């Protein structure tokens, strides 16, 4: 099977359900950003510090494909066969965050991204996740988006922040606290 179809040569693409839309449509921007996020999660999964977290990170990648399929489905095409996102997927993120948080000192200030390259990858993923969430909210202002999609992205960005903190601790990297400039 060839990877290229030539059907997008004029700047349009197909949604699940058959409708063709501009590749610049906000729906395409939404699931394209989720795809970008998935690539960053893959980069995090490949970091040696996350060796024991490969399974949960792969599960997150699987859920992002599920989320992408939901975003790629033409509105009103409820009969399109695609995987579903569940509240239990969000519960898993919360459970993992609680487990990680138990190992971390209390957060008393904002944290600057960085300290170690692997930790920076977590912060990049978190920022892309927040962007995906904002785009999905903007899309929801125009066309219905599943509330679970927005909730999952919101919780995932929190998960990525906590993961970055735990990675910093495990790597003995400095967690640089933001100190506002004094007048």
Protein backbone atom coordinates (compact mmCIF):
# COMPACT_ATOMS: atom_id res chain seq x y z
CA UNK A 1 0.00 0.00 0.00
CA UNK A 2 1.34 3.43 -0.92
CA UNK A 3 1.54 6.05 1.82
CA UNK A 4 0.62 8.88 -0.51
CA UNK A 5 -2.88 9.29 -1.91
CA UNK A 6 -2.55 12.64 -3.74
CA UNK A 7 -6.02 13.54 -2.42
CA UNK A 8 -4.55 16.28 -0.24
CA UNK A 9 -2.64 18.01 -3.01
CA UNK A 10 -5.22 20.79 -3.17
CA UNK A 11 -5.04 21.59 0.55
CA UNK A 12 -7.95 19.49 1.81
CA UNK A 13 -8.17 16.31 3.83
CA UNK A 14 -10.90 13.85 4.81
CA UNK A 15 -12.46 13.50 8.22
CA UNK A 16 -13.70 10.15 9.51
CA UNK A 17 -17.19 10.15 8.07
CA UNK A 18 -16.13 11.38 4.65
CA UNK A 19 -16.33 15.18 4.74
CA UNK A 20 -13.42 17.05 3.17
CA UNK A 21 -12.12 20.12 4.95
CA UNK A 22 -9.22 22.53 4.56
CA UNK A 23 -5.98 21.34 6.10
CA UNK A 24 -6.03 24.72 7.89
CA UNK A 25 -9.39 23.92 9.58
CA UNK A 26 -9.26 24.22 13.37
CA UNK A 27 -10.32 20.56 13.69
CA UNK A 28 -7.19 19.53 11.75
CA UNK A 29 -5.11 21.88 13.92
CA UNK A 30 -6.57 20.20 17.01
CA UNK A 31 -5.74 16.62 16.09
CA UNK A 32 -2.46 17.66 14.47
CA UNK A 33 -1.40 19.21 17.77
CA UNK A 34 -2.44 16.04 19.60
CA UNK A 35 -0.24 14.12 17.14
CA UNK A 36 2.65 16.49 17.92
CA UNK A 37 2.05 15.89 21.63
CA UNK A 38 2.11 12.14 21.02
CA UNK A 39 5.56 12.50 19.46
CA UNK A 40 6.80 14.34 22.55
CA UNK A 41 5.37 11.60 24.78
CA UNK A 42 7.34 9.12 22.65
CA UNK A 43 10.47 11.20 23.27
CA UNK A 44 9.76 11.10 27.01
CA UNK A 45 9.20 7.35 26.85
CA UNK A 46 12.63 6.97 25.25
CA UNK A 47 14.44 8.75 28.10
CA UNK A 48 16.42 6.32 30.28
CA UNK A 49 15.02 7.96 33.44
CA UNK A 50 11.55 6.80 32.34
CA UNK A 51 12.50 3.15 31.90
CA UNK A 52 10.04 2.13 34.63
CA UNK A 53 7.32 4.36 33.18
CA UNK A 54 7.38 3.06 29.60
CA UNK A 55 4.06 1.24 30.02
CA UNK A 56 2.12 4.21 31.36
CA UNK A 57 3.63 6.49 28.71
CA UNK A 58 2.65 4.02 25.99
CA UNK A 59 -0.86 3.88 27.44
CA UNK A 60 -0.98 7.69 27.23
CA UNK A 61 0.14 7.49 23.60
CA UNK A 62 -2.63 4.98 22.90
CA UNK A 63 -5.18 7.31 24.51
CA UNK A 64 -3.88 10.22 22.42
CA UNK A 65 -4.56 8.17 19.27
CA UNK A 66 -8.06 7.54 20.62
CA UNK A 67 -8.48 11.24 21.29
CA UNK A 68 -7.16 12.06 17.80
CA UNK A 69 -9.69 9.70 16.21
CA UNK A 70 -12.46 11.45 18.11
CA UNK A 71 -11.25 14.86 16.90
CA UNK A 72 -10.86 13.55 13.33
CA UNK A 73 -14.48 12.40 13.18
CA UNK A 74 -16.95 14.51 11.26
CA UNK A 75 -19.49 16.11 13.64
CA UNK A 76 -22.76 14.20 13.71
CA UNK A 77 -21.24 10.97 12.42
CA UNK A 78 -21.90 9.00 15.59
CA UNK A 79 -21.93 5.67 13.74
CA UNK A 80 -18.25 5.94 12.74
CA UNK A 81 -16.43 3.07 14.42
CA UNK A 82 -13.60 4.41 16.56
CA UNK A 83 -12.17 3.72 20.01
CA UNK A 84 -13.65 5.55 22.98
CA UNK A 85 -12.13 7.61 25.76
CA UNK A 86 -13.41 6.79 29.25
CA UNK A 87 -13.47 8.54 32.62
CA UNK A 88 -11.21 5.69 33.83
CA UNK A 89 -8.50 7.02 31.47
CA UNK A 90 -8.56 10.28 33.44
CA UNK A 91 -8.65 8.38 36.73
CA UNK A 92 -5.45 6.59 35.70
CA UNK A 93 -3.66 9.92 35.21
CA UNK A 94 -4.87 11.15 38.60
CA UNK A 95 -3.78 7.94 40.32
CA UNK A 96 -0.33 8.17 38.72
CA UNK A 97 0.00 11.83 39.70
CA UNK A 98 -0.95 11.07 43.31
CA UNK A 99 1.62 8.26 43.41
CA UNK A 100 4.36 10.51 42.00
CA UNK A 101 3.39 13.44 44.22
CA UNK A 102 3.93 11.31 47.35
CA UNK A 103 7.63 11.15 46.43
CA UNK A 104 8.04 14.91 45.89
CA UNK A 105 8.56 17.83 48.24
CA UNK A 106 5.64 20.23 48.51
CA UNK A 107 5.47 22.79 45.74
CA UNK A 108 5.94 26.28 47.21
CA UNK A 109 6.59 28.32 44.08
CA UNK A 110 6.48 28.21 40.32
CA UNK A 111 9.20 26.08 38.71
CA UNK A 112 11.22 27.19 35.70
CA UNK A 113 11.46 24.60 32.94
CA UNK A 114 14.86 22.97 32.65
CA UNK A 115 17.54 21.51 34.89
CA UNK A 116 18.19 18.51 32.66
CA UNK A 117 17.49 17.77 29.01
CA UNK A 118 15.06 14.95 29.87
CA UNK A 119 13.15 17.22 32.24
CA UNK A 120 12.98 19.87 29.52
CA UNK A 121 11.34 17.31 27.23
CA UNK A 122 8.62 16.85 29.87
CA UNK A 123 8.04 20.61 29.98
CA UNK A 124 7.87 20.80 26.18
CA UNK A 125 5.29 18.01 26.17
CA UNK A 126 3.33 19.86 28.87
CA UNK A 127 3.30 23.07 26.81
CA UNK A 128 2.18 21.26 23.65
CA UNK A 129 -0.53 19.55 25.71
CA UNK A 130 -1.78 22.93 26.97
CA UNK A 131 -1.83 24.21 23.37
CA UNK A 132 -3.81 21.15 22.26
CA UNK A 133 -6.25 21.81 25.08
CA UNK A 134 -6.67 25.47 24.06
CA UNK A 135 -7.24 24.52 20.42
CA UNK A 136 -9.84 21.91 21.42
CA UNK A 137 -11.63 24.50 23.52
CA UNK A 138 -11.62 26.90 20.56
CA UNK A 139 -12.95 24.11 18.33
CA UNK A 140 -15.64 23.38 20.92
CA UNK A 141 -16.77 27.01 20.56
CA UNK A 142 -17.55 26.19 16.90
CA UNK A 143 -18.37 22.47 16.86
CA UNK A 144 -19.01 20.00 19.67
CA UNK A 145 -15.94 18.34 21.18
CA UNK A 146 -16.33 15.54 23.68
CA UNK A 147 -15.93 16.95 27.20
CA UNK A 148 -13.69 13.94 27.99
CA UNK A 149 -11.21 15.07 25.31
CA UNK A 150 -10.79 18.46 26.95
CA UNK A 151 -10.71 16.97 30.45
CA UNK A 152 -8.11 14.36 29.44
CA UNK A 153 -5.82 17.01 27.95
CA UNK A 154 -6.20 19.18 31.03
CA UNK A 155 -5.29 16.33 33.34
CA UNK A 156 -2.47 15.13 31.08
CA UNK A 157 -0.76 18.52 31.23
CA UNK A 158 -0.88 18.29 35.04
CA UNK A 159 0.53 14.76 34.84
CA UNK A 160 3.39 15.98 32.64
CA UNK A 161 4.24 18.74 35.11
CA UNK A 162 4.40 16.28 38.02
CA UNK A 163 6.36 13.83 35.87
CA UNK A 164 8.90 16.56 35.07
CA UNK A 165 9.34 17.27 38.78
CA UNK A 166 9.82 13.59 39.58
CA UNK A 167 12.26 13.16 36.71
CA UNK A 168 14.27 16.12 38.04
CA UNK A 169 14.41 14.52 41.47
CA UNK A 170 15.46 11.14 40.08
CA UNK A 171 18.14 12.77 37.91
CA UNK A 172 19.41 14.88 40.80
CA UNK A 173 18.73 17.91 38.64
CA UNK A 174 18.16 21.27 40.19
CA UNK A 175 14.52 22.31 40.32
CA UNK A 176 14.85 26.02 39.69
CA UNK A 177 12.16 28.00 41.48
CA UNK A 178 10.91 31.18 39.89
CA UNK A 179 11.65 34.18 42.02
CA UNK A 180 9.83 37.31 40.85
CA UNK A 181 11.98 40.36 40.37
CA UNK A 182 11.73 42.72 43.29
CA UNK A 183 11.17 46.41 42.63
